[in-house]
N, C-alpha and C. Protein backbone atom coordinates (compact mmCIF):
# COMPACT_ATOMS: atom_id res chain seq x y z
N MET A 1 41.01 48.85 135.72
CA MET A 1 40.36 47.76 134.99
C MET A 1 39.47 46.98 135.95
N SER A 2 38.33 46.53 135.44
CA SER A 2 37.42 45.75 136.26
C SER A 2 38.02 44.38 136.55
N GLU A 3 37.35 43.64 137.42
CA GLU A 3 37.83 42.29 137.76
C GLU A 3 37.96 41.47 136.48
N LEU A 4 39.11 40.83 136.33
CA LEU A 4 39.37 40.10 135.10
C LEU A 4 38.65 38.75 135.10
N PRO A 5 38.23 38.27 133.92
CA PRO A 5 37.50 37.00 133.87
C PRO A 5 38.39 35.82 134.24
N GLU A 6 37.76 34.78 134.75
CA GLU A 6 38.51 33.60 135.18
C GLU A 6 39.02 32.77 134.01
N ASN A 7 38.39 32.89 132.85
CA ASN A 7 38.73 32.01 131.73
C ASN A 7 39.69 32.66 130.74
N MET A 8 40.50 33.60 131.18
CA MET A 8 41.47 34.23 130.29
C MET A 8 42.54 33.21 129.87
N PRO A 9 43.18 33.43 128.72
CA PRO A 9 44.13 32.43 128.21
C PRO A 9 45.32 32.16 129.12
N TYR A 10 45.84 33.19 129.79
CA TYR A 10 47.06 33.03 130.57
C TYR A 10 46.84 33.40 132.03
N ASP A 11 47.45 32.60 132.90
CA ASP A 11 47.50 33.02 134.30
C ASP A 11 48.50 34.16 134.46
N ALA A 12 49.58 34.11 133.67
CA ALA A 12 50.60 35.15 133.77
C ALA A 12 51.39 35.26 132.49
N VAL A 13 51.75 36.48 132.16
CA VAL A 13 52.74 36.77 131.13
C VAL A 13 54.05 37.01 131.87
N ILE A 14 55.14 36.46 131.35
CA ILE A 14 56.44 36.56 132.03
C ILE A 14 57.44 37.28 131.14
N ILE A 15 58.14 38.23 131.73
CA ILE A 15 59.22 38.93 131.04
C ILE A 15 60.46 38.87 131.91
N LEU A 16 61.55 38.40 131.31
CA LEU A 16 62.82 38.32 132.01
C LEU A 16 63.64 39.56 131.70
N GLY A 17 64.34 40.06 132.70
CA GLY A 17 65.16 41.25 132.51
C GLY A 17 66.39 40.96 131.66
N ALA A 18 67.16 42.00 131.42
CA ALA A 18 68.39 41.89 130.63
C ALA A 18 69.35 42.96 131.11
N LYS A 19 70.64 42.69 130.91
CA LYS A 19 71.66 43.65 131.30
C LYS A 19 71.49 44.94 130.49
N PRO A 20 71.57 46.10 131.14
CA PRO A 20 71.47 47.37 130.41
C PRO A 20 72.55 47.49 129.34
N ILE A 21 72.28 48.32 128.36
CA ILE A 21 73.23 48.52 127.27
C ILE A 21 74.34 49.45 127.74
N GLY A 22 75.58 48.97 127.63
CA GLY A 22 76.73 49.79 127.99
C GLY A 22 76.61 50.35 129.40
N ALA A 23 76.90 51.63 129.52
CA ALA A 23 76.83 52.28 130.83
C ALA A 23 75.50 52.99 131.05
N THR A 24 74.58 52.86 130.10
CA THR A 24 73.31 53.56 130.21
C THR A 24 72.35 52.80 131.13
N PRO A 25 71.52 53.51 131.85
CA PRO A 25 70.53 52.82 132.71
C PRO A 25 69.28 52.44 131.94
N LYS A 26 69.43 51.93 130.73
CA LYS A 26 68.30 51.56 129.90
C LYS A 26 68.46 50.13 129.41
N PHE A 27 67.32 49.46 129.22
CA PHE A 27 67.32 48.10 128.70
C PHE A 27 67.53 48.10 127.18
N PRO A 28 67.92 46.94 126.63
CA PRO A 28 67.87 46.77 125.18
C PRO A 28 66.44 46.98 124.68
N SER A 29 66.31 47.34 123.42
CA SER A 29 64.98 47.68 122.86
C SER A 29 64.00 46.52 122.95
N HIS A 30 64.49 45.27 122.87
CA HIS A 30 63.57 44.13 122.89
C HIS A 30 62.85 43.99 124.23
N ILE A 31 63.46 44.49 125.31
CA ILE A 31 62.77 44.46 126.61
C ILE A 31 61.56 45.40 126.59
N TYR A 32 61.74 46.60 126.06
CA TYR A 32 60.62 47.54 125.98
C TYR A 32 59.54 47.02 125.03
N ALA A 33 59.94 46.36 123.96
CA ALA A 33 58.95 45.77 123.05
C ALA A 33 58.15 44.69 123.77
N ALA A 34 58.82 43.89 124.59
CA ALA A 34 58.13 42.85 125.36
C ALA A 34 57.18 43.47 126.39
N LEU A 35 57.63 44.52 127.05
CA LEU A 35 56.78 45.19 128.04
C LEU A 35 55.55 45.80 127.37
N ASP A 36 55.74 46.41 126.21
CA ASP A 36 54.60 47.00 125.49
C ASP A 36 53.60 45.91 125.08
N ARG A 37 54.11 44.78 124.64
CA ARG A 37 53.21 43.68 124.27
C ARG A 37 52.47 43.14 125.49
N SER A 38 53.14 43.08 126.63
CA SER A 38 52.46 42.61 127.85
C SER A 38 51.35 43.56 128.25
N THR A 39 51.57 44.85 128.03
CA THR A 39 50.54 45.85 128.32
C THR A 39 49.31 45.60 127.44
N GLU A 40 49.54 45.33 126.16
CA GLU A 40 48.44 45.03 125.25
C GLU A 40 47.64 43.81 125.72
N LEU A 41 48.35 42.76 126.09
CA LEU A 41 47.66 41.54 126.52
C LEU A 41 46.86 41.76 127.79
N TYR A 42 47.41 42.53 128.71
CA TYR A 42 46.68 42.81 129.94
C TYR A 42 45.42 43.62 129.65
N ARG A 43 45.54 44.61 128.81
CA ARG A 43 44.38 45.45 128.49
C ARG A 43 43.32 44.70 127.71
N LEU A 44 43.75 43.68 126.96
CA LEU A 44 42.80 42.83 126.25
C LEU A 44 42.23 41.73 127.14
N GLU A 45 42.59 41.75 128.41
CA GLU A 45 42.13 40.78 129.40
C GLU A 45 42.54 39.36 129.01
N LYS A 46 43.77 39.23 128.54
CA LYS A 46 44.32 37.91 128.20
C LYS A 46 45.13 37.32 129.36
N THR A 47 45.45 38.13 130.36
CA THR A 47 46.25 37.65 131.48
C THR A 47 45.86 38.38 132.76
N ARG A 48 45.97 37.66 133.86
CA ARG A 48 45.68 38.27 135.15
C ARG A 48 46.89 39.01 135.71
N TYR A 49 48.08 38.43 135.46
CA TYR A 49 49.31 38.99 136.02
C TYR A 49 50.38 39.16 134.96
N ILE A 50 51.29 40.08 135.23
CA ILE A 50 52.53 40.20 134.49
C ILE A 50 53.66 39.96 135.48
N VAL A 51 54.46 38.93 135.22
CA VAL A 51 55.58 38.58 136.09
C VAL A 51 56.85 39.18 135.52
N LEU A 52 57.59 39.88 136.36
CA LEU A 52 58.83 40.55 135.96
C LEU A 52 59.97 39.95 136.77
N SER A 53 60.95 39.39 136.06
CA SER A 53 61.98 38.61 136.74
C SER A 53 63.36 39.18 136.50
N GLY A 54 64.12 39.35 137.58
CA GLY A 54 65.52 39.72 137.46
C GLY A 54 65.97 40.70 138.52
N ASN A 55 67.12 40.40 139.11
CA ASN A 55 67.78 41.33 140.01
C ASN A 55 68.74 42.18 139.18
N TYR A 56 69.89 41.59 138.86
CA TYR A 56 70.84 42.22 137.93
C TYR A 56 71.74 41.14 137.37
N ALA A 57 72.43 41.45 136.28
CA ALA A 57 73.28 40.46 135.61
C ALA A 57 74.47 40.11 136.48
N LEU A 58 74.79 38.82 136.53
CA LEU A 58 75.90 38.32 137.33
C LEU A 58 77.22 38.99 136.96
N ARG A 59 77.31 39.46 135.74
CA ARG A 59 78.54 40.11 135.27
C ARG A 59 78.92 41.31 136.15
N TYR A 60 77.93 41.98 136.72
CA TYR A 60 78.24 43.11 137.60
C TYR A 60 79.08 42.66 138.80
N ASP A 61 78.73 41.51 139.36
CA ASP A 61 79.51 40.98 140.48
C ASP A 61 80.91 40.61 140.03
N ARG A 62 80.99 39.95 138.88
CA ARG A 62 82.30 39.52 138.37
C ARG A 62 83.22 40.70 138.11
N ASP A 63 82.65 41.82 137.66
CA ASP A 63 83.44 42.99 137.31
C ASP A 63 83.53 44.01 138.45
N ASN A 64 83.00 43.63 139.63
CA ASN A 64 83.00 44.53 140.79
C ASN A 64 82.37 45.88 140.47
N GLN A 65 81.23 45.84 139.79
CA GLN A 65 80.51 47.05 139.42
C GLN A 65 79.15 47.11 140.10
N GLN A 66 78.65 48.31 140.26
CA GLN A 66 77.34 48.52 140.87
C GLN A 66 76.29 48.55 139.77
N PRO A 67 75.28 47.69 139.81
CA PRO A 67 74.23 47.74 138.79
C PRO A 67 73.41 49.03 138.93
N PRO A 68 72.92 49.57 137.81
CA PRO A 68 72.18 50.84 137.87
C PRO A 68 70.78 50.71 138.47
N PHE A 69 70.22 49.51 138.44
CA PHE A 69 68.89 49.28 139.00
C PHE A 69 68.65 47.79 139.14
N ARG A 70 67.61 47.44 139.89
CA ARG A 70 67.14 46.06 139.91
C ARG A 70 66.20 45.90 138.72
N GLU A 71 66.46 44.92 137.89
CA GLU A 71 65.75 44.80 136.62
C GLU A 71 64.23 44.74 136.79
N CYS A 72 63.76 43.95 137.73
CA CYS A 72 62.31 43.81 137.90
C CYS A 72 61.67 45.14 138.31
N ASP A 73 62.38 45.94 139.12
CA ASP A 73 61.85 47.24 139.54
C ASP A 73 61.76 48.21 138.37
N ALA A 74 62.81 48.23 137.53
CA ALA A 74 62.81 49.14 136.37
C ALA A 74 61.70 48.77 135.40
N MET A 75 61.49 47.47 135.19
CA MET A 75 60.41 47.04 134.31
C MET A 75 59.05 47.39 134.90
N ALA A 76 58.92 47.22 136.21
CA ALA A 76 57.66 47.56 136.87
C ALA A 76 57.37 49.05 136.74
N ASP A 77 58.39 49.88 136.93
CA ASP A 77 58.20 51.33 136.79
C ASP A 77 57.69 51.68 135.40
N TYR A 78 58.24 51.02 134.38
CA TYR A 78 57.82 51.27 133.01
C TYR A 78 56.34 50.92 132.82
N LEU A 79 55.93 49.77 133.34
CA LEU A 79 54.54 49.34 133.18
C LEU A 79 53.58 50.20 134.00
N LEU A 80 54.00 50.59 135.18
CA LEU A 80 53.16 51.47 136.00
C LEU A 80 52.92 52.79 135.27
N ALA A 81 53.94 53.29 134.58
CA ALA A 81 53.80 54.53 133.82
C ALA A 81 52.84 54.36 132.65
N GLN A 82 52.65 53.11 132.20
CA GLN A 82 51.69 52.83 131.12
C GLN A 82 50.28 52.62 131.66
N GLY A 83 50.12 52.67 132.96
CA GLY A 83 48.80 52.52 133.56
C GLY A 83 48.46 51.13 134.03
N ILE A 84 49.42 50.21 134.02
CA ILE A 84 49.15 48.87 134.55
C ILE A 84 49.09 48.96 136.07
N PRO A 85 48.06 48.42 136.71
CA PRO A 85 47.96 48.53 138.17
C PRO A 85 49.02 47.71 138.89
N ARG A 86 49.47 48.23 140.01
CA ARG A 86 50.51 47.55 140.79
C ARG A 86 50.08 46.14 141.18
N ALA A 87 48.81 45.93 141.45
CA ALA A 87 48.33 44.62 141.87
C ALA A 87 48.47 43.57 140.78
N ALA A 88 48.64 44.00 139.53
CA ALA A 88 48.78 43.05 138.42
C ALA A 88 50.23 42.64 138.21
N LEU A 89 51.16 43.25 138.91
CA LEU A 89 52.58 42.98 138.71
C LEU A 89 53.13 42.11 139.83
N LEU A 90 53.79 41.02 139.44
CA LEU A 90 54.44 40.13 140.40
C LEU A 90 55.93 40.14 140.10
N LEU A 91 56.74 40.48 141.10
CA LEU A 91 58.16 40.67 140.88
C LEU A 91 59.00 39.57 141.51
N GLU A 92 59.99 39.13 140.76
CA GLU A 92 61.03 38.22 141.26
C GLU A 92 62.35 38.98 141.16
N GLY A 93 62.95 39.29 142.28
CA GLY A 93 64.12 40.15 142.28
C GLY A 93 65.36 39.55 142.90
N VAL A 94 65.54 38.24 142.77
CA VAL A 94 66.70 37.56 143.33
C VAL A 94 67.68 37.14 142.24
N SER A 95 67.18 36.70 141.10
CA SER A 95 68.00 36.04 140.07
C SER A 95 69.02 36.97 139.42
N LYS A 96 70.15 36.34 139.02
CA LYS A 96 71.22 37.08 138.35
C LYS A 96 71.61 36.43 137.01
N ASP A 97 70.87 35.41 136.60
CA ASP A 97 71.09 34.80 135.29
C ASP A 97 69.81 34.11 134.87
N THR A 98 69.78 33.59 133.64
CA THR A 98 68.53 33.06 133.09
C THR A 98 68.08 31.78 133.79
N VAL A 99 69.01 30.92 134.14
CA VAL A 99 68.62 29.70 134.87
C VAL A 99 67.97 30.09 136.20
N ALA A 100 68.56 31.03 136.89
CA ALA A 100 67.99 31.50 138.16
C ALA A 100 66.67 32.21 137.96
N ASN A 101 66.51 32.93 136.83
CA ASN A 101 65.21 33.54 136.51
C ASN A 101 64.09 32.51 136.63
N PHE A 102 64.31 31.37 135.99
CA PHE A 102 63.28 30.33 135.97
C PHE A 102 63.09 29.72 137.36
N TYR A 103 64.18 29.40 138.04
CA TYR A 103 64.09 28.76 139.35
C TYR A 103 63.35 29.65 140.35
N TYR A 104 63.77 30.90 140.47
CA TYR A 104 63.16 31.77 141.48
C TYR A 104 61.77 32.23 141.07
N THR A 105 61.53 32.38 139.77
CA THR A 105 60.16 32.70 139.34
C THR A 105 59.22 31.57 139.73
N LYS A 106 59.66 30.34 139.52
CA LYS A 106 58.81 29.20 139.90
C LYS A 106 58.61 29.16 141.40
N ARG A 107 59.70 29.22 142.15
CA ARG A 107 59.63 29.07 143.61
C ARG A 107 58.92 30.23 144.31
N GLU A 108 59.18 31.46 143.86
CA GLU A 108 58.70 32.64 144.60
C GLU A 108 57.43 33.26 144.04
N VAL A 109 57.07 32.90 142.79
CA VAL A 109 55.89 33.52 142.18
C VAL A 109 54.86 32.48 141.74
N LEU A 110 55.27 31.54 140.90
CA LEU A 110 54.30 30.63 140.30
C LEU A 110 53.66 29.70 141.33
N VAL A 111 54.49 29.07 142.14
CA VAL A 111 53.95 28.13 143.14
C VAL A 111 53.08 28.84 144.17
N PRO A 112 53.52 29.94 144.79
CA PRO A 112 52.67 30.61 145.78
C PRO A 112 51.35 31.13 145.22
N HIS A 113 51.34 31.54 143.95
CA HIS A 113 50.13 32.10 143.35
C HIS A 113 49.36 31.08 142.52
N ASN A 114 49.84 29.84 142.47
CA ASN A 114 49.16 28.77 141.74
C ASN A 114 48.93 29.14 140.28
N LEU A 115 50.01 29.58 139.62
CA LEU A 115 49.95 29.99 138.22
C LEU A 115 50.55 28.89 137.34
N HIS A 116 49.80 28.42 136.36
CA HIS A 116 50.26 27.29 135.55
C HIS A 116 50.19 27.54 134.04
N ARG A 117 49.38 28.47 133.59
CA ARG A 117 49.28 28.78 132.15
C ARG A 117 50.11 30.03 131.90
N LEU A 118 51.26 29.84 131.32
CA LEU A 118 52.26 30.91 131.26
C LEU A 118 52.59 31.29 129.82
N HIS A 119 52.86 32.58 129.64
CA HIS A 119 53.22 33.07 128.31
C HIS A 119 54.42 34.00 128.42
N PHE A 120 55.53 33.59 127.80
CA PHE A 120 56.74 34.42 127.78
C PHE A 120 56.74 35.33 126.57
N ILE A 121 57.18 36.56 126.77
CA ILE A 121 57.46 37.47 125.67
C ILE A 121 58.95 37.79 125.77
N ALA A 122 59.70 37.47 124.71
CA ALA A 122 61.15 37.58 124.79
C ALA A 122 61.76 37.80 123.42
N ALA A 123 63.01 38.25 123.43
CA ALA A 123 63.75 38.45 122.19
C ALA A 123 63.79 37.15 121.39
N ASP A 124 63.65 37.27 120.08
CA ASP A 124 63.57 36.10 119.22
C ASP A 124 64.77 35.16 119.38
N PHE A 125 65.97 35.72 119.56
CA PHE A 125 67.15 34.86 119.64
C PHE A 125 67.22 34.07 120.95
N ARG A 126 66.40 34.42 121.93
CA ARG A 126 66.42 33.74 123.23
C ARG A 126 65.39 32.62 123.34
N ILE A 127 64.43 32.55 122.44
CA ILE A 127 63.27 31.67 122.61
C ILE A 127 63.66 30.21 122.77
N ALA A 128 64.57 29.71 121.96
CA ALA A 128 64.92 28.28 122.03
C ALA A 128 65.45 27.92 123.41
N ARG A 129 66.30 28.77 123.96
CA ARG A 129 66.87 28.48 125.29
C ARG A 129 65.80 28.62 126.38
N LEU A 130 64.93 29.59 126.25
CA LEU A 130 63.87 29.75 127.25
C LEU A 130 62.91 28.57 127.22
N ASP A 131 62.62 28.07 126.03
CA ASP A 131 61.75 26.90 125.90
C ASP A 131 62.39 25.70 126.59
N TYR A 132 63.68 25.50 126.37
CA TYR A 132 64.39 24.40 127.02
C TYR A 132 64.33 24.54 128.54
N LEU A 133 64.59 25.74 129.05
CA LEU A 133 64.57 25.96 130.49
C LEU A 133 63.18 25.78 131.08
N ALA A 134 62.16 26.18 130.35
CA ALA A 134 60.79 25.99 130.83
C ALA A 134 60.48 24.51 130.98
N GLN A 135 60.88 23.71 129.99
CA GLN A 135 60.64 22.27 130.07
C GLN A 135 61.41 21.64 131.23
N LYS A 136 62.64 22.07 131.42
CA LYS A 136 63.49 21.47 132.46
C LYS A 136 63.09 21.92 133.86
N ILE A 137 62.93 23.23 134.06
CA ILE A 137 62.75 23.77 135.41
C ILE A 137 61.28 23.82 135.82
N PHE A 138 60.41 24.29 134.93
CA PHE A 138 58.98 24.31 135.27
C PHE A 138 58.41 22.90 135.22
N GLY A 139 58.72 22.15 134.17
CA GLY A 139 58.26 20.78 134.08
C GLY A 139 56.87 20.63 133.50
N PRO A 140 56.35 19.39 133.53
CA PRO A 140 55.10 19.07 132.83
C PRO A 140 53.84 19.62 133.46
N ASP A 141 53.92 20.17 134.66
CA ASP A 141 52.72 20.72 135.31
C ASP A 141 52.37 22.11 134.81
N TYR A 142 53.18 22.65 133.91
CA TYR A 142 52.98 24.01 133.42
C TYR A 142 52.80 23.99 131.91
N THR A 143 51.87 24.82 131.43
CA THR A 143 51.69 25.05 130.00
C THR A 143 52.37 26.36 129.66
N VAL A 144 53.34 26.31 128.75
CA VAL A 144 54.15 27.49 128.45
C VAL A 144 54.14 27.76 126.95
N THR A 145 53.82 29.01 126.59
CA THR A 145 53.87 29.45 125.20
C THR A 145 54.75 30.69 125.12
N PHE A 146 55.07 31.07 123.87
CA PHE A 146 56.03 32.16 123.67
C PHE A 146 55.57 33.10 122.55
N THR A 147 55.88 34.39 122.74
CA THR A 147 55.80 35.37 121.67
C THR A 147 57.17 35.99 121.50
N PRO A 148 57.78 35.87 120.32
CA PRO A 148 59.08 36.51 120.10
C PRO A 148 58.92 37.98 119.73
N VAL A 149 59.86 38.80 120.18
CA VAL A 149 59.95 40.18 119.72
C VAL A 149 61.34 40.36 119.11
N ALA A 150 61.42 41.27 118.16
CA ALA A 150 62.68 41.44 117.43
C ALA A 150 63.73 42.14 118.28
N ALA A 151 64.95 41.66 118.15
CA ALA A 151 66.11 42.33 118.73
C ALA A 151 66.93 42.92 117.60
N THR A 152 67.59 44.04 117.87
CA THR A 152 68.46 44.61 116.86
C THR A 152 69.70 43.74 116.71
N VAL A 153 70.42 43.93 115.63
CA VAL A 153 71.63 43.15 115.39
C VAL A 153 72.62 43.33 116.54
N GLU A 154 72.71 44.54 117.06
CA GLU A 154 73.65 44.81 118.15
C GLU A 154 73.25 44.13 119.45
N GLU A 155 71.96 43.82 119.60
CA GLU A 155 71.47 43.24 120.84
C GLU A 155 71.55 41.71 120.87
N VAL A 156 71.69 41.10 119.72
CA VAL A 156 71.74 39.64 119.66
C VAL A 156 73.04 39.15 120.29
N ASN A 157 72.92 38.18 121.19
CA ASN A 157 74.09 37.62 121.84
C ASN A 157 74.83 36.72 120.85
N PRO A 158 76.06 37.09 120.46
CA PRO A 158 76.76 36.27 119.47
C PRO A 158 77.17 34.90 119.99
N THR A 159 77.11 34.71 121.31
CA THR A 159 77.48 33.41 121.90
C THR A 159 76.25 32.62 122.33
N GLU A 160 75.09 32.97 121.83
CA GLU A 160 73.85 32.30 122.27
C GLU A 160 73.92 30.80 122.09
N SER A 161 74.44 30.34 120.98
CA SER A 161 74.50 28.89 120.75
C SER A 161 75.44 28.21 121.74
N ILE A 162 76.50 28.90 122.12
CA ILE A 162 77.43 28.35 123.12
C ILE A 162 76.75 28.30 124.48
N VAL A 163 76.05 29.37 124.84
CA VAL A 163 75.34 29.40 126.12
C VAL A 163 74.28 28.30 126.17
N MET A 164 73.59 28.09 125.04
CA MET A 164 72.59 27.03 124.97
C MET A 164 73.23 25.68 125.23
N GLN A 165 74.35 25.40 124.59
CA GLN A 165 75.01 24.10 124.76
C GLN A 165 75.49 23.92 126.19
N ARG A 166 76.05 24.95 126.79
CA ARG A 166 76.53 24.86 128.17
C ARG A 166 75.36 24.66 129.13
N THR A 167 74.22 25.30 128.83
CA THR A 167 73.03 25.14 129.67
C THR A 167 72.51 23.71 129.57
N GLN A 168 72.47 23.16 128.38
CA GLN A 168 72.02 21.78 128.20
C GLN A 168 72.95 20.80 128.91
N ASP A 169 74.25 21.06 128.84
CA ASP A 169 75.20 20.20 129.55
C ASP A 169 74.99 20.28 131.06
N PHE A 170 74.77 21.48 131.55
CA PHE A 170 74.57 21.73 132.98
C PHE A 170 73.34 20.99 133.51
N LEU A 171 72.26 21.00 132.74
CA LEU A 171 70.98 20.45 133.22
C LEU A 171 70.66 19.08 132.64
N ALA A 172 71.60 18.47 131.96
CA ALA A 172 71.33 17.20 131.26
C ALA A 172 70.76 16.12 132.18
N SER A 173 71.26 16.02 133.39
CA SER A 173 70.82 14.95 134.29
C SER A 173 69.64 15.36 135.18
N MET A 174 69.13 16.55 134.99
CA MET A 174 68.02 17.04 135.81
C MET A 174 66.69 16.52 135.28
N PRO A 175 65.92 15.79 136.08
CA PRO A 175 64.59 15.36 135.64
C PRO A 175 63.69 16.58 135.43
N PRO A 176 62.89 16.61 134.38
CA PRO A 176 62.02 17.76 134.14
C PRO A 176 61.14 18.08 135.34
N GLY A 177 61.17 19.33 135.74
CA GLY A 177 60.36 19.81 136.85
C GLY A 177 60.97 19.65 138.22
N ASP A 178 62.09 18.92 138.32
CA ASP A 178 62.73 18.68 139.62
C ASP A 178 63.69 19.83 139.94
N ASP A 179 63.13 20.96 140.34
CA ASP A 179 63.96 22.14 140.58
C ASP A 179 64.85 21.99 141.81
N SER A 180 64.64 20.96 142.63
CA SER A 180 65.54 20.73 143.77
C SER A 180 66.97 20.47 143.30
N PHE A 181 67.11 20.05 142.04
CA PHE A 181 68.42 19.84 141.44
C PHE A 181 69.27 21.11 141.51
N LEU A 182 68.60 22.27 141.48
CA LEU A 182 69.30 23.55 141.44
C LEU A 182 69.54 24.17 142.81
N LYS A 183 69.02 23.55 143.84
CA LYS A 183 69.17 24.13 145.17
C LYS A 183 70.65 24.25 145.54
N ASP A 184 71.03 25.44 145.95
CA ASP A 184 72.39 25.73 146.44
C ASP A 184 73.47 25.69 145.36
N VAL A 185 73.10 25.78 144.07
CA VAL A 185 74.14 25.82 143.03
C VAL A 185 74.44 27.23 142.52
N PHE A 186 73.57 28.17 142.82
CA PHE A 186 73.79 29.56 142.38
C PHE A 186 74.79 30.24 143.32
N TYR A 187 75.89 30.81 142.94
CA TYR A 187 76.45 30.89 141.60
C TYR A 187 77.85 30.31 141.65
N THR A 188 77.95 29.14 142.27
CA THR A 188 79.24 28.52 142.52
C THR A 188 79.53 27.31 141.65
N HIS A 189 78.52 26.75 141.01
CA HIS A 189 78.70 25.60 140.14
C HIS A 189 79.66 25.96 139.00
N PRO A 190 80.43 25.00 138.49
CA PRO A 190 81.32 25.28 137.36
C PRO A 190 80.64 25.92 136.15
N PHE A 191 79.34 25.71 136.00
CA PHE A 191 78.59 26.36 134.92
C PHE A 191 78.77 27.87 134.95
N TYR A 192 78.95 28.41 136.15
CA TYR A 192 79.05 29.86 136.31
C TYR A 192 80.46 30.39 136.17
N GLN A 193 81.42 29.54 135.93
CA GLN A 193 82.76 30.01 135.67
C GLN A 193 82.85 30.45 134.21
N ARG A 194 83.58 31.52 133.97
CA ARG A 194 83.70 32.01 132.61
C ARG A 194 84.42 30.98 131.74
N PRO A 195 83.82 30.65 130.59
CA PRO A 195 84.48 29.67 129.72
C PRO A 195 85.83 30.21 129.22
N LYS A 196 86.77 29.32 129.05
CA LYS A 196 88.08 29.73 128.53
C LYS A 196 87.94 30.13 127.06
N LYS A 197 88.62 31.21 126.70
CA LYS A 197 88.55 31.70 125.31
C LYS A 197 89.59 30.99 124.46
């Protein structure tokens, strides 16, 4: 692709990884739908970069299991196979949960590359929580929009509302954009302890 125009709508499209389904080394279908949509936006010259965020789900550590891949690498491989140039992909490969996705994406990708107009593509059931995290962790210096993609019934997290409430409780006292609040809390804060059933 030729040099992209400066006045494109987004500085970056962002896709967060997800835990593979069962024991298979494949993502849920909504991740591939998000990746396909990001490919369309890049080819339409709507974004300069595609940001791919995720190491592996924290549950692997809790269960003493080896993750099948680093999420950002697997997503990058998929996009490279679609013809997206490597220079257009920015990877964040430290995070192990959604809060960390936002923190490390901001610290390691957005700030160094001066990216402020952001567009998330994510499963429909996740959008409300991602919007909340964007407001809290990215803060008012960033413009953030969303495109939902459909998740199958089996892929929808049945505890999403609980996770949302716990996330809001965790970040309630955090001033918007003050990501220093999260320094040194991964993954020892009580938020990361499994809730009692």
